[in-house]
Amino acid sequence: MATATANVIKATTCASVNSQTGACQERDRFQPGETSYAWIQLGRLTVGANHQMEWFWKTPSGQIYSKVRHAFAATSNTQMEWSYLPLPADATGTWRIEARLDGRKLGELRVPVGN
């Protein structure tokens, strides 16, 4: 897989993502039972290169709650990728979402859930 010099242009959490355009409705706080999206815009990709995007959704205690993998071939030198999780009804506290591209950690988003 190509790791080259891909970088993060923007990363955020969203209430929804348009599956056709990749547009994100940004939101920084959620309630238990809602669906949270992690969204990232990658840059400096090589068109046609294959990549593996991984998302690790972690509970407030740091345990991995969900791991999502998505393989893709870059269709542009910038590309948007996202993952989502329906938050459990008892999910309170600050959740973390770790993003990795081709095994390299890109960063981590924090998701406050509840009051």
PDB file of N, CA and C in Angstrom:
ATOM      1  N   MET A   1       0.834  -1.184   0.000  1.00  0.00           N
ATOM      2  CA  MET A   1       0.000   0.000   0.000  1.00  0.00           C
ATOM      3  C   MET A   1       0.875   1.241   0.000  1.00  0.00           C
ATOM      4  N   ALA A   2       0.358   2.282  -0.608  1.00  0.00           N
ATOM      5  CA  ALA A   2       1.124   3.513  -0.731  1.00  0.00           C
ATOM      6  C   ALA A   2       0.897   4.409   0.476  1.00  0.00           C
ATOM      7  N   THR A   3       1.966   4.772   1.153  1.00  0.00           N
ATOM      8  CA  THR A   3       1.844   5.707   2.264  1.00  0.00           C
ATOM      9  C   THR A   3       2.409   7.058   1.895  1.00  0.00           C
ATOM     10  N   ALA A   4       3.362   7.102   0.995  1.00  0.00           N
ATOM     11  CA  ALA A   4       3.986   8.312   0.475  1.00  0.00           C
ATOM     12  C   ALA A   4       3.936   9.466   1.465  1.00  0.00           C
ATOM     13  N   THR A   5       3.343  10.568   1.047  1.00  0.00           N
ATOM     14  CA  THR A   5       3.340  11.764   1.876  1.00  0.00           C
ATOM     15  C   THR A   5       1.933  12.224   2.218  1.00  0.00           C
ATOM     16  N   ALA A   6       0.974  11.320   2.222  1.00  0.00           N
ATOM     17  CA  ALA A   6      -0.407  11.695   2.514  1.00  0.00           C
ATOM     18  C   ALA A   6      -0.468  12.448   3.837  1.00  0.00           C
ATOM     19  N   ASN A   7      -1.305  13.478   3.873  1.00  0.00           N
ATOM     20  CA  ASN A   7      -1.447  14.256   5.096  1.00  0.00           C
ATOM     21  C   ASN A   7      -2.920  14.553   5.369  1.00  0.00           C
ATOM     22  N   VAL A   8      -3.190  15.103   6.540  1.00  0.00           N
ATOM     23  CA  VAL A   8      -4.545  15.465   6.937  1.00  0.00           C
ATOM     24  C   VAL A   8      -4.750  16.952   6.650  1.00  0.00           C
ATOM     25  N   ILE A   9      -5.758  17.243   5.850  1.00  0.00           N
ATOM     26  CA  ILE A   9      -6.131  18.634   5.585  1.00  0.00           C
ATOM     27  C   ILE A   9      -7.088  19.104   6.672  1.00  0.00           C
ATOM     28  N   LYS A  10      -8.057  18.240   7.001  1.00  0.00           N
ATOM     29  CA  LYS A  10      -9.045  18.575   8.025  1.00  0.00           C
ATOM     30  C   LYS A  10      -9.599  17.292   8.605  1.00  0.00           C
ATOM     31  N   ALA A  11      -9.911  17.314   9.894  1.00  0.00           N
ATOM     32  CA  ALA A  11     -10.574  16.187  10.566  1.00  0.00           C
ATOM     33  C   ALA A  11     -11.580  16.762  11.548  1.00  0.00           C
ATOM     34  N   THR A  12     -12.767  16.166  11.588  1.00  0.00           N
ATOM     35  CA  THR A  12     -13.809  16.678  12.470  1.00  0.00           C
ATOM     36  C   THR A  12     -14.835  15.582  12.748  1.00  0.00           C
ATOM     37  N   THR A  13     -15.781  15.884  13.622  1.00  0.00           N
ATOM     38  CA  THR A  13     -16.909  14.990  13.860  1.00  0.00           C
ATOM     39  C   THR A  13     -18.152  15.630  13.251  1.00  0.00           C
ATOM     40  N   CYS A  14     -19.080  14.772  12.835  1.00  0.00           N
ATOM     41  CA  CYS A  14     -20.261  15.228  12.098  1.00  0.00           C
ATOM     42  C   CYS A  14     -21.518  14.539  12.612  1.00  0.00           C
ATOM     43  N   ALA A  15     -22.639  15.221  12.428  1.00  0.00           N
ATOM     44  CA  ALA A  15     -23.942  14.628  12.719  1.00  0.00           C
ATOM     45  C   ALA A  15     -24.395  13.764  11.552  1.00  0.00           C
ATOM     46  N   SER A  16     -23.910  14.100  10.338  1.00  0.00           N
ATOM     47  CA  SER A  16     -24.224  13.316   9.147  1.00  0.00           C
ATOM     48  C   SER A  16     -23.193  13.623   8.071  1.00  0.00           C
ATOM     49  N   VAL A  17     -23.105  12.718   7.098  1.00  0.00           N
ATOM     50  CA  VAL A  17     -22.232  12.901   5.938  1.00  0.00           C
ATOM     51  C   VAL A  17     -23.041  12.542   4.699  1.00  0.00           C
ATOM     52  N   ASN A  18     -23.009  13.407   3.701  1.00  0.00           N
ATOM     53  CA  ASN A  18     -23.688  13.147   2.437  1.00  0.00           C
ATOM     54  C   ASN A  18     -22.881  12.103   1.680  1.00  0.00           C
ATOM     55  N   SER A  19     -23.465  10.947   1.428  1.00  0.00           N
ATOM     56  CA  SER A  19     -22.728   9.846   0.799  1.00  0.00           C
ATOM     57  C   SER A  19     -22.365  10.132  -0.660  1.00  0.00           C
ATOM     58  N   GLN A  20     -23.039  11.072  -1.299  1.00  0.00           N
ATOM     59  CA  GLN A  20     -22.732  11.419  -2.691  1.00  0.00           C
ATOM     60  C   GLN A  20     -21.584  12.420  -2.787  1.00  0.00           C
ATOM     61  N   THR A  21     -21.603  13.441  -1.929  1.00  0.00           N
ATOM     62  CA  THR A  21     -20.617  14.526  -2.024  1.00  0.00           C
ATOM     63  C   THR A  21     -19.527  14.451  -0.956  1.00  0.00           C
ATOM     64  N   GLY A  22     -19.792  13.714   0.127  1.00  0.00           N
ATOM     65  CA  GLY A  22     -18.842  13.670   1.240  1.00  0.00           C
ATOM     66  C   GLY A  22     -18.953  14.862   2.160  1.00  0.00           C
ATOM     67  N   ALA A  23     -19.920  15.738   1.909  1.00  0.00           N
ATOM     68  CA  ALA A  23     -20.096  16.928   2.746  1.00  0.00           C
ATOM     69  C   ALA A  23     -20.493  16.519   4.163  1.00  0.00           C
ATOM     70  N   CYS A  24     -19.893  17.180   5.119  1.00  0.00           N
ATOM     71  CA  CYS A  24     -20.074  16.860   6.537  1.00  0.00           C
ATOM     72  C   CYS A  24     -20.863  17.956   7.233  1.00  0.00           C
ATOM     73  N   GLN A  25     -21.878  17.563   8.005  1.00  0.00           N
ATOM     74  CA  GLN A  25     -22.593  18.504   8.856  1.00  0.00           C
ATOM     75  C   GLN A  25     -21.891  18.467  10.210  1.00  0.00           C
ATOM     76  N   GLU A  26     -20.958  19.402  10.411  1.00  0.00           N
ATOM     77  CA  GLU A  26     -20.100  19.363  11.603  1.00  0.00           C
ATOM     78  C   GLU A  26     -20.896  19.498  12.900  1.00  0.00           C
ATOM     79  N   ARG A  27     -20.424  18.763  13.886  1.00  0.00           N
ATOM     80  CA  ARG A  27     -21.018  18.802  15.226  1.00  0.00           C
ATOM     81  C   ARG A  27     -19.967  18.313  16.203  1.00  0.00           C
ATOM     82  N   ASP A  28     -19.870  18.949  17.361  1.00  0.00           N
ATOM     83  CA  ASP A  28     -18.789  18.581  18.292  1.00  0.00           C
ATOM     84  C   ASP A  28     -19.274  17.951  19.598  1.00  0.00           C
ATOM     85  N   ARG A  29     -20.579  17.740  19.751  1.00  0.00           N
ATOM     86  CA  ARG A  29     -21.117  17.118  20.965  1.00  0.00           C
ATOM     87  C   ARG A  29     -22.298  16.248  20.578  1.00  0.00           C
ATOM     88  N   PHE A  30     -22.409  15.093  21.242  1.00  0.00           N
ATOM     89  CA  PHE A  30     -23.473  14.138  20.928  1.00  0.00           C
ATOM     90  C   PHE A  30     -24.138  13.658  22.200  1.00  0.00           C
ATOM     91  N   GLN A  31     -25.290  13.045  22.032  1.00  0.00           N
ATOM     92  CA  GLN A  31     -26.017  12.442  23.148  1.00  0.00           C
ATOM     93  C   GLN A  31     -25.984  10.926  22.993  1.00  0.00           C
ATOM     94  N   PRO A  32     -26.075  10.187  24.103  1.00  0.00           N
ATOM     95  CA  PRO A  32     -26.134   8.728  24.006  1.00  0.00           C
ATOM     96  C   PRO A  32     -27.261   8.308  23.058  1.00  0.00           C
ATOM     97  N   GLY A  33     -27.004   7.289  22.257  1.00  0.00           N
ATOM     98  CA  GLY A  33     -28.002   6.786  21.311  1.00  0.00           C
ATOM     99  C   GLY A  33     -27.945   7.451  19.947  1.00  0.00           C
ATOM    100  N   GLU A  34     -27.265   8.592  19.825  1.00  0.00           N
ATOM    101  CA  GLU A  34     -27.135   9.252  18.523  1.00  0.00           C
ATOM    102  C   GLU A  34     -26.011   8.605  17.717  1.00  0.00           C
ATOM    103  N   THR A  35     -25.991   8.886  16.433  1.00  0.00           N
ATOM    104  CA  THR A  35     -24.916   8.399  15.574  1.00  0.00           C
ATOM    105  C   THR A  35     -23.903   9.507  15.370  1.00  0.00           C
ATOM    106  N   SER A  36     -22.658   9.192  15.620  1.00  0.00           N
ATOM    107  CA  SER A  36     -21.554  10.134  15.435  1.00  0.00           C
ATOM    108  C   SER A  36     -20.726   9.694  14.232  1.00  0.00           C
ATOM    109  N   TYR A  37     -20.301  10.653  13.439  1.00  0.00           N
ATOM    110  CA  TYR A  37     -19.432  10.393  12.288  1.00  0.00           C
ATOM    111  C   TYR A  37     -18.062  11.006  12.557  1.00  0.00           C
ATOM    112  N   ALA A  38     -17.023  10.292  12.172  1.00  0.00           N
ATOM    113  CA  ALA A  38     -15.666  10.828  12.145  1.00  0.00           C
ATOM    114  C   ALA A  38     -15.350  11.054  10.669  1.00  0.00           C
ATOM    115  N   TRP A  39     -14.875  12.237  10.338  1.00  0.00           N
ATOM    116  CA  TRP A  39     -14.674  12.630   8.939  1.00  0.00           C
ATOM    117  C   TRP A  39     -13.270  13.196   8.773  1.00  0.00           C
ATOM    118  N   ILE A  40     -12.611  12.829   7.686  1.00  0.00           N
ATOM    119  CA  ILE A  40     -11.257  13.308   7.451  1.00  0.00           C
ATOM    120  C   ILE A  40     -11.077  13.632   5.977  1.00  0.00           C
ATOM    121  N   GLN A  41     -10.379  14.731   5.716  1.00  0.00           N
ATOM    122  CA  GLN A  41      -9.993  15.067   4.354  1.00  0.00           C
ATOM    123  C   GLN A  41      -8.493  14.859   4.248  1.00  0.00           C
ATOM    124  N   LEU A  42      -8.107  13.964   3.362  1.00  0.00           N
ATOM    125  CA  LEU A  42      -6.706  13.621   3.161  1.00  0.00           C
ATOM    126  C   LEU A  42      -6.156  14.378   1.965  1.00  0.00           C
ATOM    127  N   GLY A  43      -4.889  14.721   2.027  1.00  0.00           N
ATOM    128  CA  GLY A  43      -4.233  15.416   0.925  1.00  0.00           C
ATOM    129  C   GLY A  43      -2.946  14.721   0.521  1.00  0.00           C
ATOM    130  N   ARG A  44      -2.397  15.142  -0.576  1.00  0.00           N
ATOM    131  CA  ARG A  44      -1.151  14.614  -1.139  1.00  0.00           C
ATOM    132  C   ARG A  44      -1.212  13.108  -1.400  1.00  0.00           C
ATOM    133  N   LEU A  45      -2.370  12.637  -1.826  1.00  0.00           N
ATOM    134  CA  LEU A  45      -2.502  11.231  -2.203  1.00  0.00           C
ATOM    135  C   LEU A  45      -2.049  11.061  -3.650  1.00  0.00           C
ATOM    136  N   THR A  46      -1.574   9.893  -3.977  1.00  0.00           N
ATOM    137  CA  THR A  46      -1.207   9.567  -5.355  1.00  0.00           C
ATOM    138  C   THR A  46      -2.421   8.927  -6.022  1.00  0.00           C
ATOM    139  N   VAL A  47      -2.891   9.542  -7.092  1.00  0.00           N
ATOM    140  CA  VAL A  47      -4.069   9.028  -7.802  1.00  0.00           C
ATOM    141  C   VAL A  47      -3.803   7.585  -8.246  1.00  0.00           C
ATOM    142  N   GLY A  48      -4.759   6.707  -7.927  1.00  0.00           N
ATOM    143  CA  GLY A  48      -4.653   5.296  -8.284  1.00  0.00           C
ATOM    144  C   GLY A  48      -3.994   4.431  -7.212  1.00  0.00           C
ATOM    145  N   ALA A  49      -3.356   5.060  -6.235  1.00  0.00           N
ATOM    146  CA  ALA A  49      -2.690   4.291  -5.171  1.00  0.00           C
ATOM    147  C   ALA A  49      -3.729   3.676  -4.237  1.00  0.00           C
ATOM    148  N   ASN A  50      -3.475   2.448  -3.791  1.00  0.00           N
ATOM    149  CA  ASN A  50      -4.363   1.757  -2.853  1.00  0.00           C
ATOM    150  C   ASN A  50      -3.993   2.112  -1.428  1.00  0.00           C
ATOM    151  N   HIS A  51      -5.018   2.305  -0.607  1.00  0.00           N
ATOM    152  CA  HIS A  51      -4.817   2.672   0.797  1.00  0.00           C
ATOM    153  C   HIS A  51      -5.749   1.871   1.698  1.00  0.00           C
ATOM    154  N   GLN A  52      -5.390   1.811   2.960  1.00  0.00           N
ATOM    155  CA  GLN A  52      -6.222   1.180   3.988  1.00  0.00           C
ATOM    156  C   GLN A  52      -6.465   2.226   5.072  1.00  0.00           C
ATOM    157  N   MET A  53      -7.734   2.612   5.232  1.00  0.00           N
ATOM    158  CA  MET A  53      -8.116   3.554   6.292  1.00  0.00           C
ATOM    159  C   MET A  53      -8.654   2.737   7.455  1.00  0.00           C
ATOM    160  N   GLU A  54      -8.203   3.061   8.659  1.00  0.00           N
ATOM    161  CA  GLU A  54      -8.693   2.378   9.864  1.00  0.00           C
ATOM    162  C   GLU A  54      -9.181   3.418  10.865  1.00  0.00           C
ATOM    163  N   TRP A  55     -10.277   3.078  11.517  1.00  0.00           N
ATOM    164  CA  TRP A  55     -10.875   3.926  12.549  1.00  0.00           C
ATOM    165  C   TRP A  55     -11.020   3.089  13.811  1.00  0.00           C
ATOM    166  N   PHE A  56     -10.514   3.583  14.915  1.00  0.00           N
ATOM    167  CA  PHE A  56     -10.650   2.915  16.209  1.00  0.00           C
ATOM    168  C   PHE A  56     -11.510   3.812  17.101  1.00  0.00           C
ATOM    169  N   TRP A  57     -12.720   3.360  17.391  1.00  0.00           N
ATOM    170  CA  TRP A  57     -13.633   4.090  18.268  1.00  0.00           C
ATOM    171  C   TRP A  57     -13.377   3.601  19.687  1.00  0.00           C
ATOM    172  N   LYS A  58     -12.953   4.506  20.570  1.00  0.00           N
ATOM    173  CA  LYS A  58     -12.561   4.137  21.935  1.00  0.00           C
ATOM    174  C   LYS A  58     -13.504   4.747  22.964  1.00  0.00           C
ATOM    175  N   THR A  59     -13.859   3.944  23.954  1.00  0.00           N
ATOM    176  CA  THR A  59     -14.729   4.389  25.036  1.00  0.00           C
ATOM    177  C   THR A  59     -13.972   5.398  25.915  1.00  0.00           C
ATOM    178  N   PRO A  60     -14.687   6.090  26.806  1.00  0.00           N
ATOM    179  CA  PRO A  60     -14.010   7.020  27.713  1.00  0.00           C
ATOM    180  C   PRO A  60     -12.924   6.347  28.569  1.00  0.00           C
ATOM    181  N   SER A  61     -13.023   5.044  28.811  1.00  0.00           N
ATOM    182  CA  SER A  61     -12.002   4.336  29.588  1.00  0.00           C
ATOM    183  C   SER A  61     -10.809   3.917  28.727  1.00  0.00           C
ATOM    184  N   GLY A  62     -10.880   4.168  27.403  1.00  0.00           N
ATOM    185  CA  GLY A  62      -9.766   3.853  26.518  1.00  0.00           C
ATOM    186  C   GLY A  62      -9.861   2.506  25.820  1.00  0.00           C
ATOM    187  N   GLN A  63     -10.920   1.747  26.103  1.00  0.00           N
ATOM    188  CA  GLN A  63     -11.099   0.444  25.460  1.00  0.00           C
ATOM    189  C   GLN A  63     -11.578   0.629  24.021  1.00  0.00           C
ATOM    190  N   ILE A  64     -11.084  -0.190  23.102  1.00  0.00           N
ATOM    191  CA  ILE A  64     -11.560  -0.146  21.721  1.00  0.00           C
ATOM    192  C   ILE A  64     -12.961  -0.753  21.682  1.00  0.00           C
ATOM    193  N   TYR A  65     -13.931   0.053  21.277  1.00  0.00           N
ATOM    194  CA  TYR A  65     -15.321  -0.379  21.198  1.00  0.00           C
ATOM    195  C   TYR A  65     -15.639  -0.909  19.799  1.00  0.00           C
ATOM    196  N   SER A  66     -15.042  -0.266  18.787  1.00  0.00           N
ATOM    197  CA  SER A  66     -15.286  -0.658  17.403  1.00  0.00           C
ATOM    198  C   SER A  66     -14.051  -0.335  16.579  1.00  0.00           C
ATOM    199  N   LYS A  67     -13.746  -1.233  15.636  1.00  0.00           N
ATOM    200  CA  LYS A  67     -12.636  -1.021  14.715  1.00  0.00           C
ATOM    201  C   LYS A  67     -13.189  -1.186  13.309  1.00  0.00           C
ATOM    202  N   VAL A  68     -12.993  -0.170  12.474  1.00  0.00           N
ATOM    203  CA  VAL A  68     -13.530  -0.174  11.119  1.00  0.00           C
ATOM    204  C   VAL A  68     -12.364  -0.036  10.143  1.00  0.00           C
ATOM    205  N   ARG A  69     -12.346  -0.900   9.133  1.00  0.00           N
ATOM    206  CA  ARG A  69     -11.323  -0.835   8.078  1.00  0.00           C
ATOM    207  C   ARG A  69     -12.010  -0.580   6.746  1.00  0.00           C
ATOM    208  N   HIS A  70     -11.365   0.245   5.947  1.00  0.00           N
ATOM    209  CA  HIS A  70     -11.914   0.560   4.629  1.00  0.00           C
ATOM    210  C   HIS A  70     -10.754   0.691   3.648  1.00  0.00           C
ATOM    211  N   ALA A  71     -10.741  -0.162   2.634  1.00  0.00           N
ATOM    212  CA  ALA A  71      -9.727  -0.078   1.588  1.00  0.00           C
ATOM    213  C   ALA A  71     -10.264   0.802   0.462  1.00  0.00           C
ATOM    214  N   PHE A  72      -9.390   1.630  -0.080  1.00  0.00           N
ATOM    215  CA  PHE A  72      -9.803   2.476  -1.193  1.00  0.00           C
ATOM    216  C   PHE A  72      -8.617   2.781  -2.099  1.00  0.00           C
ATOM    217  N   ALA A  73      -8.927   3.071  -3.342  1.00  0.00           N
ATOM    218  CA  ALA A  73      -7.932   3.558  -4.299  1.00  0.00           C
ATOM    219  C   ALA A  73      -8.183   5.047  -4.462  1.00  0.00           C
ATOM    220  N   ALA A  74      -7.143   5.853  -4.318  1.00  0.00           N
ATOM    221  CA  ALA A  74      -7.291   7.306  -4.417  1.00  0.00           C
ATOM    222  C   ALA A  74      -7.734   7.695  -5.822  1.00  0.00           C
ATOM    223  N   THR A  75      -8.839   8.428  -5.906  1.00  0.00           N
ATOM    224  CA  THR A  75      -9.354   8.885  -7.195  1.00  0.00           C
ATOM    225  C   THR A  75      -8.951  10.334  -7.468  1.00  0.00           C
ATOM    226  N   SER A  76      -8.331  10.944  -6.471  1.00  0.00           N
ATOM    227  CA  SER A  76      -7.892  12.330  -6.558  1.00  0.00           C
ATOM    228  C   SER A  76      -6.722  12.501  -5.592  1.00  0.00           C
ATOM    229  N   ASN A  77      -6.004  13.609  -5.682  1.00  0.00           N
ATOM    230  CA  ASN A  77      -4.922  13.803  -4.710  1.00  0.00           C
ATOM    231  C   ASN A  77      -5.448  14.282  -3.360  1.00  0.00           C
ATOM    232  N   THR A  78      -6.726  14.665  -3.309  1.00  0.00           N
ATOM    233  CA  THR A  78      -7.397  14.914  -2.029  1.00  0.00           C
ATOM    234  C   THR A  78      -8.646  14.043  -1.996  1.00  0.00           C
ATOM    235  N   GLN A  79      -8.945  13.523  -0.835  1.00  0.00           N
ATOM    236  CA  GLN A  79     -10.094  12.621  -0.730  1.00  0.00           C
ATOM    237  C   GLN A  79     -10.650  12.666   0.676  1.00  0.00           C
ATOM    238  N   MET A  80     -11.986  12.524   0.781  1.00  0.00           N
ATOM    239  CA  MET A  80     -12.656  12.484   2.071  1.00  0.00           C
ATOM    240  C   MET A  80     -13.005  11.040   2.418  1.00  0.00           C
ATOM    241  N   GLU A  81     -12.785  10.684   3.661  1.00  0.00           N
ATOM    242  CA  GLU A  81     -13.150   9.366   4.179  1.00  0.00           C
ATOM    243  C   GLU A  81     -13.872   9.586   5.499  1.00  0.00           C
ATOM    244  N   TRP A  82     -14.743   8.649   5.864  1.00  0.00           N
ATOM    245  CA  TRP A  82     -15.458   8.775   7.130  1.00  0.00           C
ATOM    246  C   TRP A  82     -15.867   7.420   7.654  1.00  0.00           C
ATOM    247  N   SER A  83     -16.194   7.442   8.939  1.00  0.00           N
ATOM    248  CA  SER A  83     -16.689   6.269   9.650  1.00  0.00           C
ATOM    249  C   SER A  83     -17.798   6.755  10.568  1.00  0.00           C
ATOM    250  N   TYR A  84     -18.691   5.869  10.942  1.00  0.00           N
ATOM    251  CA  TYR A  84     -19.743   6.281  11.870  1.00  0.00           C
ATOM    252  C   TYR A  84     -19.992   5.198  12.906  1.00  0.00           C
ATOM    253  N   LEU A  85     -20.572   5.633  14.013  1.00  0.00           N
ATOM    254  CA  LEU A  85     -20.901   4.708  15.087  1.00  0.00           C
ATOM    255  C   LEU A  85     -22.191   5.149  15.761  1.00  0.00           C
ATOM    256  N   PRO A  86     -23.198   4.265  15.805  1.00  0.00           N
ATOM    257  CA  PRO A  86     -24.360   4.550  16.647  1.00  0.00           C
ATOM    258  C   PRO A  86     -23.896   4.396  18.103  1.00  0.00           C
ATOM    259  N   LEU A  87     -23.892   5.482  18.826  1.00  0.00           N
ATOM    260  CA  LEU A  87     -23.401   5.454  20.208  1.00  0.00           C
ATOM    261  C   LEU A  87     -24.364   4.684  21.104  1.00  0.00           C
ATOM    262  N   PRO A  88     -23.835   3.862  21.997  1.00  0.00           N
ATOM    263  CA  PRO A  88     -24.701   3.108  22.909  1.00  0.00           C
ATOM    264  C   PRO A  88     -25.535   4.050  23.783  1.00  0.00           C
ATOM    265  N   ALA A  89     -26.669   3.547  24.245  1.00  0.00           N
ATOM    266  CA  ALA A  89     -27.571   4.352  25.076  1.00  0.00           C
ATOM    267  C   ALA A  89     -26.922   4.788  26.388  1.00  0.00           C
ATOM    268  N   ASP A  90     -25.915   4.050  26.857  1.00  0.00           N
ATOM    269  CA  ASP A  90     -25.249   4.405  28.113  1.00  0.00           C
ATOM    270  C   ASP A  90     -23.876   5.041  27.870  1.00  0.00           C
ATOM    271  N   ALA A  91     -23.665   5.567  26.667  1.00  0.00           N
ATOM    272  CA  ALA A  91     -22.356   6.118  26.285  1.00  0.00           C
ATOM    273  C   ALA A  91     -22.216   7.552  26.755  1.00  0.00           C
ATOM    274  N   THR A  92     -21.673   7.752  27.939  1.00  0.00           N
ATOM    275  CA  THR A  92     -21.410   9.109  28.410  1.00  0.00           C
ATOM    276  C   THR A  92     -19.925   9.274  28.670  1.00  0.00           C
ATOM    277  N   GLY A  93     -19.461  10.491  28.520  1.00  0.00           N
ATOM    278  CA  GLY A  93     -18.042  10.785  28.699  1.00  0.00           C
ATOM    279  C   GLY A  93     -17.433  11.159  27.353  1.00  0.00           C
ATOM    280  N   THR A  94     -16.132  11.305  27.347  1.00  0.00           N
ATOM    281  CA  THR A  94     -15.437  11.692  26.117  1.00  0.00           C
ATOM    282  C   THR A  94     -14.880  10.467  25.403  1.00  0.00           C
ATOM    283  N   TRP A  95     -15.452  10.171  24.263  1.00  0.00           N
ATOM    284  CA  TRP A  95     -14.988   9.088  23.403  1.00  0.00           C
ATOM    285  C   TRP A  95     -13.857   9.621  22.538  1.00  0.00           C
ATOM    286  N   ARG A  96     -12.998   8.731  22.072  1.00  0.00           N
ATOM    287  CA  ARG A  96     -11.907   9.115  21.178  1.00  0.00           C
ATOM    288  C   ARG A  96     -11.979   8.262  19.918  1.00  0.00           C
ATOM    289  N   ILE A  97     -11.635   8.873  18.798  1.00  0.00           N
ATOM    290  CA  ILE A  97     -11.622   8.161  17.524  1.00  0.00           C
ATOM    291  C   ILE A  97     -10.227   8.333  16.926  1.00  0.00           C
ATOM    292  N   GLU A  98      -9.510   7.237  16.829  1.00  0.00           N
ATOM    293  CA  GLU A  98      -8.171   7.259  16.254  1.00  0.00           C
ATOM    294  C   GLU A  98      -8.268   6.919  14.773  1.00  0.00           C
ATOM    295  N   ALA A  99      -7.629   7.732  13.939  1.00  0.00           N
ATOM    296  CA  ALA A  99      -7.616   7.510  12.494  1.00  0.00           C
ATOM    297  C   ALA A  99      -6.222   7.079  12.069  1.00  0.00           C
ATOM    298  N   ARG A 100      -6.160   6.025  11.255  1.00  0.00           N
ATOM    299  CA  ARG A 100      -4.891   5.526  10.720  1.00  0.00           C
ATOM    300  C   ARG A 100      -5.017   5.353   9.209  1.00  0.00           C
ATOM    301  N   LEU A 101      -3.954   5.690   8.513  1.00  0.00           N
ATOM    302  CA  LEU A 101      -3.878   5.459   7.072  1.00  0.00           C
ATOM    303  C   LEU A 101      -2.681   4.574   6.813  1.00  0.00           C
ATOM    304  N   ASP A 102      -2.932   3.419   6.240  1.00  0.00           N
ATOM    305  CA  ASP A 102      -1.871   2.461   5.934  1.00  0.00           C
ATOM    306  C   ASP A 102      -1.021   2.136   7.166  1.00  0.00           C
ATOM    307  N   GLY A 103      -1.688   2.040   8.325  1.00  0.00           N
ATOM    308  CA  GLY A 103      -1.013   1.686   9.567  1.00  0.00           C
ATOM    309  C   GLY A 103      -0.379   2.850  10.299  1.00  0.00           C
ATOM    310  N   ARG A 104      -0.386   4.035   9.713  1.00  0.00           N
ATOM    311  CA  ARG A 104       0.232   5.215  10.335  1.00  0.00           C
ATOM    312  C   ARG A 104      -0.847   6.060  10.998  1.00  0.00           C
ATOM    313  N   LYS A 105      -0.652   6.347  12.281  1.00  0.00           N
ATOM    314  CA  LYS A 105      -1.627   7.160  13.007  1.00  0.00           C
ATOM    315  C   LYS A 105      -1.621   8.579  12.465  1.00  0.00           C
ATOM    316  N   LEU A 106      -2.827   9.040  12.083  1.00  0.00           N
ATOM    317  CA  LEU A 106      -2.985  10.391  11.565  1.00  0.00           C
ATOM    318  C   LEU A 106      -3.377  11.373  12.652  1.00  0.00           C
ATOM    319  N   GLY A 107      -4.060  10.878  13.664  1.00  0.00           N
ATOM    320  CA  GLY A 107      -4.521  11.735  14.741  1.00  0.00           C
ATOM    321  C   GLY A 107      -5.698  11.110  15.457  1.00  0.00           C
ATOM    322  N   GLU A 108      -6.262  11.897  16.362  1.00  0.00           N
ATOM    323  CA  GLU A 108      -7.358  11.411  17.191  1.00  0.00           C
ATOM    324  C   GLU A 108      -8.356  12.534  17.395  1.00  0.00           C
ATOM    325  N   LEU A 109      -9.629  12.207  17.246  1.00  0.00           N
ATOM    326  CA  LEU A 109     -10.708  13.136  17.512  1.00  0.00           C
ATOM    327  C   LEU A 109     -11.300  12.831  18.877  1.00  0.00           C
ATOM    328  N   ARG A 110     -11.773  13.848  19.555  1.00  0.00           N
ATOM    329  CA  ARG A 110     -12.454  13.672  20.848  1.00  0.00           C
ATOM    330  C   ARG A 110     -13.929  13.978  20.651  1.00  0.00           C
ATOM    331  N   VAL A 111     -14.775  13.107  21.215  1.00  0.00           N
ATOM    332  CA  VAL A 111     -16.218  13.230  21.054  1.00  0.00           C
ATOM    333  C   VAL A 111     -16.896  13.257  22.420  1.00  0.00           C
ATOM    334  N   PRO A 112     -17.254  14.446  22.920  1.00  0.00           N
ATOM    335  CA  PRO A 112     -18.001  14.506  24.176  1.00  0.00           C
ATOM    336  C   PRO A 112     -19.417  13.953  23.977  1.00  0.00           C
ATOM    337  N   VAL A 113     -19.816  13.031  24.845  1.00  0.00           N
ATOM    338  CA  VAL A 113     -21.137  12.416  24.758  1.00  0.00           C
ATOM    339  C   VAL A 113     -21.857  12.625  26.096  1.00  0.00           C
ATOM    340  N   GLY A 114     -23.058  13.179  26.022  1.00  0.00           N
ATOM    341  CA  GLY A 114     -23.838  13.431  27.229  1.00  0.00           C
ATOM    342  C   GLY A 114     -23.662  14.860  27.698  1.00  0.00           C
ATOM    343  N   ASN A 115     -24.100  15.115  28.912  1.00  0.00           N
ATOM    344  CA  ASN A 115     -24.077  16.491  29.450  1.00  0.00           C
ATOM    345  C   ASN A 115     -22.713  17.051  29.592  1.00  0.00           C
TER     346      ASN A 115
END
